[in-house]
Amino acid sequence: DMAAQDKTLLEYQIKATETFASIGYLRDVENRVGEQYKRLDEKLD
């Protein structure tokens, strides 16, 4: 039971790490897209 719980906890930690890494990556993408949008908007103006 403890080995199964350890495995489940490890899987959760991996998913949490992936999620936090994904959040950081998504924020980075959002910032880059936002900057690109501002540049396009300025160019259009």
ModelCIF file with pLDDT and N, C-alpha, C, O atoms, coordinates in Angstrom:
data_MODEL
#
_entry.id   MODEL 
#
_entity.id                         1 
_entity.type                       polymer 
_entity.pdbx_number_of_molecules   1 
#
_entity_poly.entity_id                      1 
_entity_poly.type                           'polypeptide(L)' 
_entity_poly.nstd_linkage                   no 
_entity_poly.nstd_monomer                   no 
_entity_poly.pdbx_seq_one_letter_code       DMAAQDKTLLEYQIKATETFASIGYLRDVENRVGEQYKRLDEKLD 
_entity_poly.pdbx_seq_one_letter_code_can   DMAAQDKTLLEYQIKATETFASIGYLRDVENRVGEQYKRLDEKLD 
_entity_poly.pdbx_strand_id                 A 
#
loop_
_entity_poly_seq.entity_id 
_entity_poly_seq.num 
_entity_poly_seq.mon_id 
_entity_poly_seq.hetero 
1 1  ASP n 
1 2  MET n 
1 3  ALA n 
1 4  ALA n 
1 5  GLN n 
1 6  ASP n 
1 7  LYS n 
1 8  THR n 
1 9  LEU n 
1 10 LEU n 
1 11 GLU n 
1 12 TYR n 
1 13 GLN n 
1 14 ILE n 
1 15 LYS n 
1 16 ALA n 
1 17 THR n 
1 18 GLU n 
1 19 THR n 
1 20 PHE n 
1 21 ALA n 
1 22 SER n 
1 23 ILE n 
1 24 GLY n 
1 25 TYR n 
1 26 LEU n 
1 27 ARG n 
1 28 ASP n 
1 29 VAL n 
1 30 GLU n 
1 31 ASN n 
1 32 ARG n 
1 33 VAL n 
1 34 GLY n 
1 35 GLU n 
1 36 GLN n 
1 37 TYR n 
1 38 LYS n 
1 39 ARG n 
1 40 LEU n 
1 41 ASP n 
1 42 GLU n 
1 43 LYS n 
1 44 LEU n 
1 45 ASP n 
#
_struct_asym.id          A 
_struct_asym.entity_id   1 
#
loop_
_ma_qa_metric.id 
_ma_qa_metric.mode 
_ma_qa_metric.name 
_ma_qa_metric.software_group_id 
_ma_qa_metric.type 
1 global pLDDT . pLDDT 
2 local  pLDDT . pLDDT 
#
_ma_qa_metric_global.metric_id      1 
_ma_qa_metric_global.metric_value   87.20 
_ma_qa_metric_global.model_id       1 
_ma_qa_metric_global.ordinal_id     1 
#
loop_
_ma_qa_metric_local.label_asym_id 
_ma_qa_metric_local.label_comp_id 
_ma_qa_metric_local.label_seq_id 
_ma_qa_metric_local.metric_id 
_ma_qa_metric_local.metric_value 
_ma_qa_metric_local.model_id 
_ma_qa_metric_local.ordinal_id 
A ASP 1  2 91.00 1 1  
A MET 2  2 92.00 1 2  
A ALA 3  2 92.00 1 3  
A ALA 4  2 92.00 1 4  
A GLN 5  2 91.00 1 5  
A ASP 6  2 90.00 1 6  
A LYS 7  2 91.00 1 7  
A THR 8  2 90.00 1 8  
A LEU 9  2 89.00 1 9  
A LEU 10 2 88.00 1 10 
A GLU 11 2 89.00 1 11 
A TYR 12 2 87.00 1 12 
A GLN 13 2 83.00 1 13 
A ILE 14 2 84.00 1 14 
A LYS 15 2 84.00 1 15 
A ALA 16 2 79.00 1 16 
A THR 17 2 79.00 1 17 
A GLU 18 2 78.00 1 18 
A THR 19 2 78.00 1 19 
A PHE 20 2 75.00 1 20 
A ALA 21 2 73.00 1 21 
A SER 22 2 79.00 1 22 
A ILE 23 2 80.00 1 23 
A GLY 24 2 80.00 1 24 
A TYR 25 2 82.00 1 25 
A LEU 26 2 82.00 1 26 
A ARG 27 2 85.00 1 27 
A ASP 28 2 87.00 1 28 
A VAL 29 2 87.00 1 29 
A GLU 30 2 90.00 1 30 
A ASN 31 2 92.00 1 31 
A ARG 32 2 92.00 1 32 
A VAL 33 2 92.00 1 33 
A GLY 34 2 92.00 1 34 
A GLU 35 2 93.00 1 35 
A GLN 36 2 93.00 1 36 
A TYR 37 2 91.00 1 37 
A LYS 38 2 93.00 1 38 
A ARG 39 2 92.00 1 39 
A LEU 40 2 92.00 1 40 
A ASP 41 2 91.00 1 41 
A GLU 42 2 92.00 1 42 
A LYS 43 2 91.00 1 43 
A LEU 44 2 91.00 1 44 
A ASP 45 2 90.00 1 45 
#
loop_
_atom_site.group_PDB 
_atom_site.id 
_atom_site.type_symbol 
_atom_site.label_atom_id 
_atom_site.label_alt_id 
_atom_site.label_comp_id 
_atom_site.label_asym_id 
_atom_site.label_entity_id 
_atom_site.label_seq_id 
_atom_site.pdbx_PDB_ins_code 
_atom_site.Cartn_x 
_atom_site.Cartn_y 
_atom_site.Cartn_z 
_atom_site.occupancy 
_atom_site.B_iso_or_equiv 
_atom_site.pdbx_formal_charge 
_atom_site.auth_seq_id 
_atom_site.auth_comp_id 
_atom_site.auth_asym_id 
_atom_site.auth_atom_id 
_atom_site.pdbx_PDB_model_num 
ATOM 1   N N  . ASP A 1 1  ? 0.828  -1.210 0.000   1.00 91.00 ? 1  ASP A N  1 
ATOM 2   C CA . ASP A 1 1  ? 0.000  0.000  0.000   1.00 91.00 ? 1  ASP A CA 1 
ATOM 3   C C  . ASP A 1 1  ? 0.860  1.258  0.000   1.00 91.00 ? 1  ASP A C  1 
ATOM 4   O O  . ASP A 1 1  ? 0.570  2.213  -0.720  1.00 91.00 ? 1  ASP A O  1 
ATOM 5   N N  . MET A 1 2  ? 1.916  1.258  0.805   1.00 92.00 ? 2  MET A N  1 
ATOM 6   C CA . MET A 1 2  ? 2.799  2.420  0.857   1.00 92.00 ? 2  MET A CA 1 
ATOM 7   C C  . MET A 1 2  ? 3.519  2.621  -0.473  1.00 92.00 ? 2  MET A C  1 
ATOM 8   O O  . MET A 1 2  ? 3.712  3.754  -0.915  1.00 92.00 ? 2  MET A O  1 
ATOM 9   N N  . ALA A 1 3  ? 3.917  1.514  -1.110  1.00 92.00 ? 3  ALA A N  1 
ATOM 10  C CA . ALA A 1 3  ? 4.581  1.627  -2.409  1.00 92.00 ? 3  ALA A CA 1 
ATOM 11  C C  . ALA A 1 3  ? 3.612  2.209  -3.441  1.00 92.00 ? 3  ALA A C  1 
ATOM 12  O O  . ALA A 1 3  ? 3.996  3.043  -4.261  1.00 92.00 ? 3  ALA A O  1 
ATOM 13  N N  . ALA A 1 4  ? 2.355  1.761  -3.393  1.00 92.00 ? 4  ALA A N  1 
ATOM 14  C CA . ALA A 1 4  ? 1.347  2.295  -4.314  1.00 92.00 ? 4  ALA A CA 1 
ATOM 15  C C  . ALA A 1 4  ? 1.107  3.782  -4.035  1.00 92.00 ? 4  ALA A C  1 
ATOM 16  O O  . ALA A 1 4  ? 0.975  4.578  -4.964  1.00 92.00 ? 4  ALA A O  1 
ATOM 17  N N  . GLN A 1 5  ? 1.050  4.152  -2.752  1.00 91.00 ? 5  GLN A N  1 
ATOM 18  C CA . GLN A 1 5  ? 0.860  5.563  -2.407  1.00 91.00 ? 5  GLN A CA 1 
ATOM 19  C C  . GLN A 1 5  ? 2.060  6.396  -2.841  1.00 91.00 ? 5  GLN A C  1 
ATOM 20  O O  . GLN A 1 5  ? 1.896  7.512  -3.333  1.00 91.00 ? 5  GLN A O  1 
ATOM 21  N N  . ASP A 1 6  ? 3.273  5.854  -2.660  1.00 90.00 ? 6  ASP A N  1 
ATOM 22  C CA . ASP A 1 6  ? 4.480  6.557  -3.104  1.00 90.00 ? 6  ASP A CA 1 
ATOM 23  C C  . ASP A 1 6  ? 4.438  6.780  -4.612  1.00 90.00 ? 6  ASP A C  1 
ATOM 24  O O  . ASP A 1 6  ? 4.786  7.854  -5.102  1.00 90.00 ? 6  ASP A O  1 
ATOM 25  N N  . LYS A 1 7  ? 4.004  5.744  -5.346  1.00 91.00 ? 7  LYS A N  1 
ATOM 26  C CA . LYS A 1 7  ? 3.914  5.867  -6.802  1.00 91.00 ? 7  LYS A CA 1 
ATOM 27  C C  . LYS A 1 7  ? 2.887  6.923  -7.185  1.00 91.00 ? 7  LYS A C  1 
ATOM 28  O O  . LYS A 1 7  ? 3.131  7.744  -8.070  1.00 91.00 ? 7  LYS A O  1 
ATOM 29  N N  . THR A 1 8  ? 1.731  6.899  -6.514  1.00 90.00 ? 8  THR A N  1 
ATOM 30  C CA . THR A 1 8  ? 0.692  7.885  -6.787  1.00 90.00 ? 8  THR A CA 1 
ATOM 31  C C  . THR A 1 8  ? 1.188  9.293  -6.465  1.00 90.00 ? 8  THR A C  1 
ATOM 32  O O  . THR A 1 8  ? 0.948  10.230 -7.226  1.00 90.00 ? 8  THR A O  1 
ATOM 33  N N  . LEU A 1 9  ? 1.879  9.438  -5.338  1.00 89.00 ? 9  LEU A N  1 
ATOM 34  C CA . LEU A 1 9  ? 2.414  10.748 -4.959  1.00 89.00 ? 9  LEU A CA 1 
ATOM 35  C C  . LEU A 1 9  ? 3.440  11.226 -5.974  1.00 89.00 ? 9  LEU A C  1 
ATOM 36  O O  . LEU A 1 9  ? 3.444  12.398 -6.350  1.00 89.00 ? 9  LEU A O  1 
ATOM 37  N N  . LEU A 1 10 ? 4.305  10.330 -6.417  1.00 88.00 ? 10 LEU A N  1 
ATOM 38  C CA . LEU A 1 10 ? 5.298  10.693 -7.416  1.00 88.00 ? 10 LEU A CA 1 
ATOM 39  C C  . LEU A 1 10 ? 4.627  11.131 -8.716  1.00 88.00 ? 10 LEU A C  1 
ATOM 40  O O  . LEU A 1 10 ? 5.026  12.124 -9.324  1.00 88.00 ? 10 LEU A O  1 
ATOM 41  N N  . GLU A 1 11 ? 3.604  10.383 -9.136  1.00 89.00 ? 11 GLU A N  1 
ATOM 42  C CA . GLU A 1 11 ? 2.872  10.762 -10.347 1.00 89.00 ? 11 GLU A CA 1 
ATOM 43  C C  . GLU A 1 11 ? 2.218  12.131 -10.175 1.00 89.00 ? 11 GLU A C  1 
ATOM 44  O O  . GLU A 1 11 ? 2.216  12.943 -11.101 1.00 89.00 ? 11 GLU A O  1 
ATOM 45  N N  . TYR A 1 12 ? 1.661  12.386 -8.988  1.00 87.00 ? 12 TYR A N  1 
ATOM 46  C CA . TYR A 1 12 ? 1.050  13.690 -8.726  1.00 87.00 ? 12 TYR A CA 1 
ATOM 47  C C  . TYR A 1 12 ? 2.109  14.783 -8.773  1.00 87.00 ? 12 TYR A C  1 
ATOM 48  O O  . TYR A 1 12 ? 1.883  15.842 -9.359  1.00 87.00 ? 12 TYR A O  1 
ATOM 49  N N  . GLN A 1 13 ? 3.270  14.531 -8.155  1.00 83.00 ? 13 GLN A N  1 
ATOM 50  C CA . GLN A 1 13 ? 4.332  15.531 -8.159  1.00 83.00 ? 13 GLN A CA 1 
ATOM 51  C C  . GLN A 1 13 ? 4.799  15.820 -9.579  1.00 83.00 ? 13 GLN A C  1 
ATOM 52  O O  . GLN A 1 13 ? 5.069  16.970 -9.928  1.00 83.00 ? 13 GLN A O  1 
ATOM 53  N N  . ILE A 1 14 ? 4.894  14.777 -10.396 1.00 84.00 ? 14 ILE A N  1 
ATOM 54  C CA . ILE A 1 14 ? 5.303  14.976 -11.787 1.00 84.00 ? 14 ILE A CA 1 
ATOM 55  C C  . ILE A 1 14 ? 4.262  15.811 -12.518 1.00 84.00 ? 14 ILE A C  1 
ATOM 56  O O  . ILE A 1 14 ? 4.606  16.745 -13.243 1.00 84.00 ? 14 ILE A O  1 
ATOM 57  N N  . LYS A 1 15 ? 2.981  15.473 -12.328 1.00 84.00 ? 15 LYS A N  1 
ATOM 58  C CA . LYS A 1 15 ? 1.922  16.245 -12.993 1.00 84.00 ? 15 LYS A CA 1 
ATOM 59  C C  . LYS A 1 15 ? 1.911  17.686 -12.506 1.00 84.00 ? 15 LYS A C  1 
ATOM 60  O O  . LYS A 1 15 ? 1.733  18.614 -13.295 1.00 84.00 ? 15 LYS A O  1 
ATOM 61  N N  . ALA A 1 16 ? 2.101  17.870 -11.202 1.00 79.00 ? 16 ALA A N  1 
ATOM 62  C CA . ALA A 1 16 ? 2.127  19.237 -10.665 1.00 79.00 ? 16 ALA A CA 1 
ATOM 63  C C  . ALA A 1 16 ? 3.304  20.006 -11.247 1.00 79.00 ? 16 ALA A C  1 
ATOM 64  O O  . ALA A 1 16 ? 3.171  21.177 -11.600 1.00 79.00 ? 16 ALA A O  1 
ATOM 65  N N  . THR A 1 17 ? 4.448  19.355 -11.348 1.00 79.00 ? 17 THR A N  1 
ATOM 66  C CA . THR A 1 17 ? 5.623  20.002 -11.931 1.00 79.00 ? 17 THR A CA 1 
ATOM 67  C C  . THR A 1 17 ? 5.365  20.347 -13.390 1.00 79.00 ? 17 THR A C  1 
ATOM 68  O O  . THR A 1 17 ? 5.683  21.446 -13.845 1.00 79.00 ? 17 THR A O  1 
ATOM 69  N N  . GLU A 1 18 ? 4.783  19.396 -14.121 1.00 78.00 ? 18 GLU A N  1 
ATOM 70  C CA . GLU A 1 18 ? 4.463  19.663 -15.524 1.00 78.00 ? 18 GLU A CA 1 
ATOM 71  C C  . GLU A 1 18 ? 3.462  20.806 -15.645 1.00 78.00 ? 18 GLU A C  1 
ATOM 72  O O  . GLU A 1 18 ? 3.569  21.643 -16.541 1.00 78.00 ? 18 GLU A O  1 
ATOM 73  N N  . THR A 1 19 ? 2.496  20.836 -14.745 1.00 78.00 ? 19 THR A N  1 
ATOM 74  C CA . THR A 1 19 ? 1.486  21.888 -14.781 1.00 78.00 ? 19 THR A CA 1 
ATOM 75  C C  . THR A 1 19 ? 2.121  23.247 -14.527 1.00 78.00 ? 19 THR A C  1 
ATOM 76  O O  . THR A 1 19 ? 1.870  24.208 -15.255 1.00 78.00 ? 19 THR A O  1 
ATOM 77  N N  . PHE A 1 20 ? 2.958  23.316 -13.471 1.00 75.00 ? 20 PHE A N  1 
ATOM 78  C CA . PHE A 1 20 ? 3.604  24.591 -13.181 1.00 75.00 ? 20 PHE A CA 1 
ATOM 79  C C  . PHE A 1 20 ? 4.543  24.987 -14.309 1.00 75.00 ? 20 PHE A C  1 
ATOM 80  O O  . PHE A 1 20 ? 4.641  26.165 -14.653 1.00 75.00 ? 20 PHE A O  1 
ATOM 81  N N  . ALA A 1 21 ? 5.228  24.018 -14.882 1.00 73.00 ? 21 ALA A N  1 
ATOM 82  C CA . ALA A 1 21 ? 6.094  24.318 -16.025 1.00 73.00 ? 21 ALA A CA 1 
ATOM 83  C C  . ALA A 1 21 ? 5.236  24.788 -17.191 1.00 73.00 ? 21 ALA A C  1 
ATOM 84  O O  . ALA A 1 21 ? 5.606  25.721 -17.903 1.00 73.00 ? 21 ALA A O  1 
ATOM 85  N N  . SER A 1 22 ? 4.100  24.148 -17.384 1.00 79.00 ? 22 SER A N  1 
ATOM 86  C CA . SER A 1 22 ? 3.189  24.544 -18.459 1.00 79.00 ? 22 SER A CA 1 
ATOM 87  C C  . SER A 1 22 ? 2.655  25.949 -18.220 1.00 79.00 ? 22 SER A C  1 
ATOM 88  O O  . SER A 1 22 ? 2.529  26.737 -19.157 1.00 79.00 ? 22 SER A O  1 
ATOM 89  N N  . ILE A 1 23 ? 2.344  26.262 -16.973 1.00 80.00 ? 23 ILE A N  1 
ATOM 90  C CA . ILE A 1 23 ? 1.827  27.601 -16.661 1.00 80.00 ? 23 ILE A CA 1 
ATOM 91  C C  . ILE A 1 23 ? 2.881  28.643 -17.005 1.00 80.00 ? 23 ILE A C  1 
ATOM 92  O O  . ILE A 1 23 ? 2.569  29.672 -17.604 1.00 80.00 ? 23 ILE A O  1 
ATOM 93  N N  . GLY A 1 24 ? 4.113  28.383 -16.632 1.00 80.00 ? 24 GLY A N  1 
ATOM 94  C CA . GLY A 1 24 ? 5.188  29.304 -16.961 1.00 80.00 ? 24 GLY A CA 1 
ATOM 95  C C  . GLY A 1 24 ? 5.369  29.438 -18.460 1.00 80.00 ? 24 GLY A C  1 
ATOM 96  O O  . GLY A 1 24 ? 5.538  30.540 -18.981 1.00 80.00 ? 24 GLY A O  1 
ATOM 97  N N  . TYR A 1 25 ? 5.332  28.322 -19.139 1.00 82.00 ? 25 TYR A N  1 
ATOM 98  C CA . TYR A 1 25 ? 5.480  28.345 -20.607 1.00 82.00 ? 25 TYR A CA 1 
ATOM 99  C C  . TYR A 1 25 ? 4.321  29.104 -21.241 1.00 82.00 ? 25 TYR A C  1 
ATOM 100 O O  . TYR A 1 25 ? 4.519  29.914 -22.146 1.00 82.00 ? 25 TYR A O  1 
ATOM 101 N N  . LEU A 1 26 ? 3.102  28.833 -20.755 1.00 82.00 ? 26 LEU A N  1 
ATOM 102 C CA . LEU A 1 26 ? 1.939  29.525 -21.312 1.00 82.00 ? 26 LEU A CA 1 
ATOM 103 C C  . LEU A 1 26 ? 1.999  31.027 -21.053 1.00 82.00 ? 26 LEU A C  1 
ATOM 104 O O  . LEU A 1 26 ? 1.621  31.824 -21.911 1.00 82.00 ? 26 LEU A O  1 
ATOM 105 N N  . ARG A 1 27 ? 2.472  31.410 -19.875 1.00 85.00 ? 27 ARG A N  1 
ATOM 106 C CA . ARG A 1 27 ? 2.615  32.844 -19.588 1.00 85.00 ? 27 ARG A CA 1 
ATOM 107 C C  . ARG A 1 27 ? 3.636  33.479 -20.524 1.00 85.00 ? 27 ARG A C  1 
ATOM 108 O O  . ARG A 1 27 ? 3.446  34.594 -21.010 1.00 85.00 ? 27 ARG A O  1 
ATOM 109 N N  . ASP A 1 28 ? 4.725  32.750 -20.769 1.00 87.00 ? 28 ASP A N  1 
ATOM 110 C CA . ASP A 1 28 ? 5.739  33.246 -21.687 1.00 87.00 ? 28 ASP A CA 1 
ATOM 111 C C  . ASP A 1 28 ? 5.154  33.427 -23.087 1.00 87.00 ? 28 ASP A C  1 
ATOM 112 O O  . ASP A 1 28 ? 5.372  34.450 -23.736 1.00 87.00 ? 28 ASP A O  1 
ATOM 113 N N  . VAL A 1 29 ? 4.413  32.422 -23.540 1.00 87.00 ? 29 VAL A N  1 
ATOM 114 C CA . VAL A 1 29 ? 3.770  32.510 -24.856 1.00 87.00 ? 29 VAL A CA 1 
ATOM 115 C C  . VAL A 1 29 ? 2.777  33.661 -24.874 1.00 87.00 ? 29 VAL A C  1 
ATOM 116 O O  . VAL A 1 29 ? 2.717  34.419 -25.843 1.00 87.00 ? 29 VAL A O  1 
ATOM 117 N N  . GLU A 1 30 ? 2.004  33.793 -23.813 1.00 90.00 ? 30 GLU A N  1 
ATOM 118 C CA . GLU A 1 30 ? 1.025  34.884 -23.724 1.00 90.00 ? 30 GLU A CA 1 
ATOM 119 C C  . GLU A 1 30 ? 1.732  36.236 -23.810 1.00 90.00 ? 30 GLU A C  1 
ATOM 120 O O  . GLU A 1 30 ? 1.259  37.135 -24.504 1.00 90.00 ? 30 GLU A O  1 
ATOM 121 N N  . ASN A 1 31 ? 2.841  36.386 -23.124 1.00 92.00 ? 31 ASN A N  1 
ATOM 122 C CA . ASN A 1 31 ? 3.586  37.649 -23.176 1.00 92.00 ? 31 ASN A CA 1 
ATOM 123 C C  . ASN A 1 31 ? 4.119  37.920 -24.582 1.00 92.00 ? 31 ASN A C  1 
ATOM 124 O O  . ASN A 1 31 ? 4.030  39.041 -25.083 1.00 92.00 ? 31 ASN A O  1 
ATOM 125 N N  . ARG A 1 32 ? 4.672  36.888 -25.211 1.00 92.00 ? 32 ARG A N  1 
ATOM 126 C CA . ARG A 1 32 ? 5.198  37.074 -26.559 1.00 92.00 ? 32 ARG A CA 1 
ATOM 127 C C  . ARG A 1 32 ? 4.086  37.423 -27.545 1.00 92.00 ? 32 ARG A C  1 
ATOM 128 O O  . ARG A 1 32 ? 4.246  38.303 -28.391 1.00 92.00 ? 32 ARG A O  1 
ATOM 129 N N  . VAL A 1 33 ? 2.956  36.720 -27.426 1.00 92.00 ? 33 VAL A N  1 
ATOM 130 C CA . VAL A 1 33 ? 1.818  37.010 -28.316 1.00 92.00 ? 33 VAL A CA 1 
ATOM 131 C C  . VAL A 1 33 ? 1.294  38.417 -28.033 1.00 92.00 ? 33 VAL A C  1 
ATOM 132 O O  . VAL A 1 33 ? 0.951  39.149 -28.961 1.00 92.00 ? 33 VAL A O  1 
ATOM 133 N N  . GLY A 1 34 ? 1.230  38.793 -26.765 1.00 92.00 ? 34 GLY A N  1 
ATOM 134 C CA . GLY A 1 34 ? 0.781  40.142 -26.403 1.00 92.00 ? 34 GLY A CA 1 
ATOM 135 C C  . GLY A 1 34 ? 1.699  41.210 -26.978 1.00 92.00 ? 34 GLY A C  1 
ATOM 136 O O  . GLY A 1 34 ? 1.233  42.221 -27.503 1.00 92.00 ? 34 GLY A O  1 
ATOM 137 N N  . GLU A 1 35 ? 3.016  40.981 -26.877 1.00 93.00 ? 35 GLU A N  1 
ATOM 138 C CA . GLU A 1 35 ? 3.973  41.933 -27.445 1.00 93.00 ? 35 GLU A CA 1 
ATOM 139 C C  . GLU A 1 35 ? 3.815  42.020 -28.963 1.00 93.00 ? 35 GLU A C  1 
ATOM 140 O O  . GLU A 1 35 ? 3.843  43.106 -29.541 1.00 93.00 ? 35 GLU A O  1 
ATOM 141 N N  . GLN A 1 36 ? 3.650  40.878 -29.586 1.00 93.00 ? 36 GLN A N  1 
ATOM 142 C CA . GLN A 1 36 ? 3.456  40.855 -31.042 1.00 93.00 ? 36 GLN A CA 1 
ATOM 143 C C  . GLN A 1 36 ? 2.174  41.591 -31.422 1.00 93.00 ? 36 GLN A C  1 
ATOM 144 O O  . GLN A 1 36 ? 2.135  42.326 -32.409 1.00 93.00 ? 36 GLN A O  1 
ATOM 145 N N  . TYR A 1 37 ? 1.127  41.385 -30.626 1.00 91.00 ? 37 TYR A N  1 
ATOM 146 C CA . TYR A 1 37 ? -0.145 42.069 -30.872 1.00 91.00 ? 37 TYR A CA 1 
ATOM 147 C C  . TYR A 1 37 ? 0.036  43.582 -30.769 1.00 91.00 ? 37 TYR A C  1 
ATOM 148 O O  . TYR A 1 37 ? -0.483 44.326 -31.601 1.00 91.00 ? 37 TYR A O  1 
ATOM 149 N N  . LYS A 1 38 ? 0.776  44.046 -29.743 1.00 93.00 ? 38 LYS A N  1 
ATOM 150 C CA . LYS A 1 38 ? 1.020  45.484 -29.574 1.00 93.00 ? 38 LYS A CA 1 
ATOM 151 C C  . LYS A 1 38 ? 1.768  46.044 -30.776 1.00 93.00 ? 38 LYS A C  1 
ATOM 152 O O  . LYS A 1 38 ? 1.428  47.108 -31.293 1.00 93.00 ? 38 LYS A O  1 
ATOM 153 N N  . ARG A 1 39 ? 2.805  45.305 -31.219 1.00 92.00 ? 39 ARG A N  1 
ATOM 154 C CA . ARG A 1 39 ? 3.562  45.769 -32.383 1.00 92.00 ? 39 ARG A CA 1 
ATOM 155 C C  . ARG A 1 39 ? 2.672  45.865 -33.625 1.00 92.00 ? 39 ARG A C  1 
ATOM 156 O O  . ARG A 1 39 ? 2.741  46.842 -34.371 1.00 92.00 ? 39 ARG A O  1 
ATOM 157 N N  . LEU A 1 40 ? 1.837  44.844 -33.838 1.00 92.00 ? 40 LEU A N  1 
ATOM 158 C CA . LEU A 1 40 ? 0.924  44.876 -34.993 1.00 92.00 ? 40 LEU A CA 1 
ATOM 159 C C  . LEU A 1 40 ? -0.065 46.022 -34.870 1.00 92.00 ? 40 LEU A C  1 
ATOM 160 O O  . LEU A 1 40 ? -0.376 46.687 -35.858 1.00 92.00 ? 40 LEU A O  1 
ATOM 161 N N  . ASP A 1 41 ? -0.558 46.255 -33.662 1.00 91.00 ? 41 ASP A N  1 
ATOM 162 C CA . ASP A 1 41 ? -1.510 47.337 -33.438 1.00 91.00 ? 41 ASP A CA 1 
ATOM 163 C C  . ASP A 1 41 ? -0.851 48.692 -33.716 1.00 91.00 ? 41 ASP A C  1 
ATOM 164 O O  . ASP A 1 41 ? -1.450 49.560 -34.351 1.00 91.00 ? 41 ASP A O  1 
ATOM 165 N N  . GLU A 1 42 ? 0.376  48.865 -33.241 1.00 92.00 ? 42 GLU A N  1 
ATOM 166 C CA . GLU A 1 42 ? 1.108  50.112 -33.493 1.00 92.00 ? 42 GLU A CA 1 
ATOM 167 C C  . GLU A 1 42 ? 1.360  50.284 -34.993 1.00 92.00 ? 42 GLU A C  1 
ATOM 168 O O  . GLU A 1 42 ? 1.213  51.382 -35.531 1.00 92.00 ? 42 GLU A O  1 
ATOM 169 N N  . LYS A 1 43 ? 1.736  49.204 -35.654 1.00 91.00 ? 43 LYS A N  1 
ATOM 170 C CA . LYS A 1 43 ? 1.979  49.260 -37.092 1.00 91.00 ? 43 LYS A CA 1 
ATOM 171 C C  . LYS A 1 43 ? 0.702  49.641 -37.841 1.00 91.00 ? 43 LYS A C  1 
ATOM 172 O O  . LYS A 1 43 ? 0.727  50.457 -38.763 1.00 91.00 ? 43 LYS A O  1 
ATOM 173 N N  . LEU A 1 44 ? -0.416 49.035 -37.428 1.00 91.00 ? 44 LEU A N  1 
ATOM 174 C CA . LEU A 1 44 ? -1.699 49.344 -38.053 1.00 91.00 ? 44 LEU A CA 1 
ATOM 175 C C  . LEU A 1 44 ? -2.065 50.810 -37.823 1.00 91.00 ? 44 LEU A C  1 
ATOM 176 O O  . LEU A 1 44 ? -2.547 51.480 -38.736 1.00 91.00 ? 44 LEU A O  1 
ATOM 177 N N  . ASP A 1 45 ? -1.837 51.309 -36.610 1.00 90.00 ? 45 ASP A N  1 
ATOM 178 C CA . ASP A 1 45 ? -2.108 52.723 -36.327 1.00 90.00 ? 45 ASP A CA 1 
ATOM 179 C C  . ASP A 1 45 ? -1.258 53.631 -37.209 1.00 90.00 ? 45 ASP A C  1 
ATOM 180 O O  . ASP A 1 45 ? -1.354 54.854 -37.109 1.00 90.00 ? 45 ASP A O  1 
#
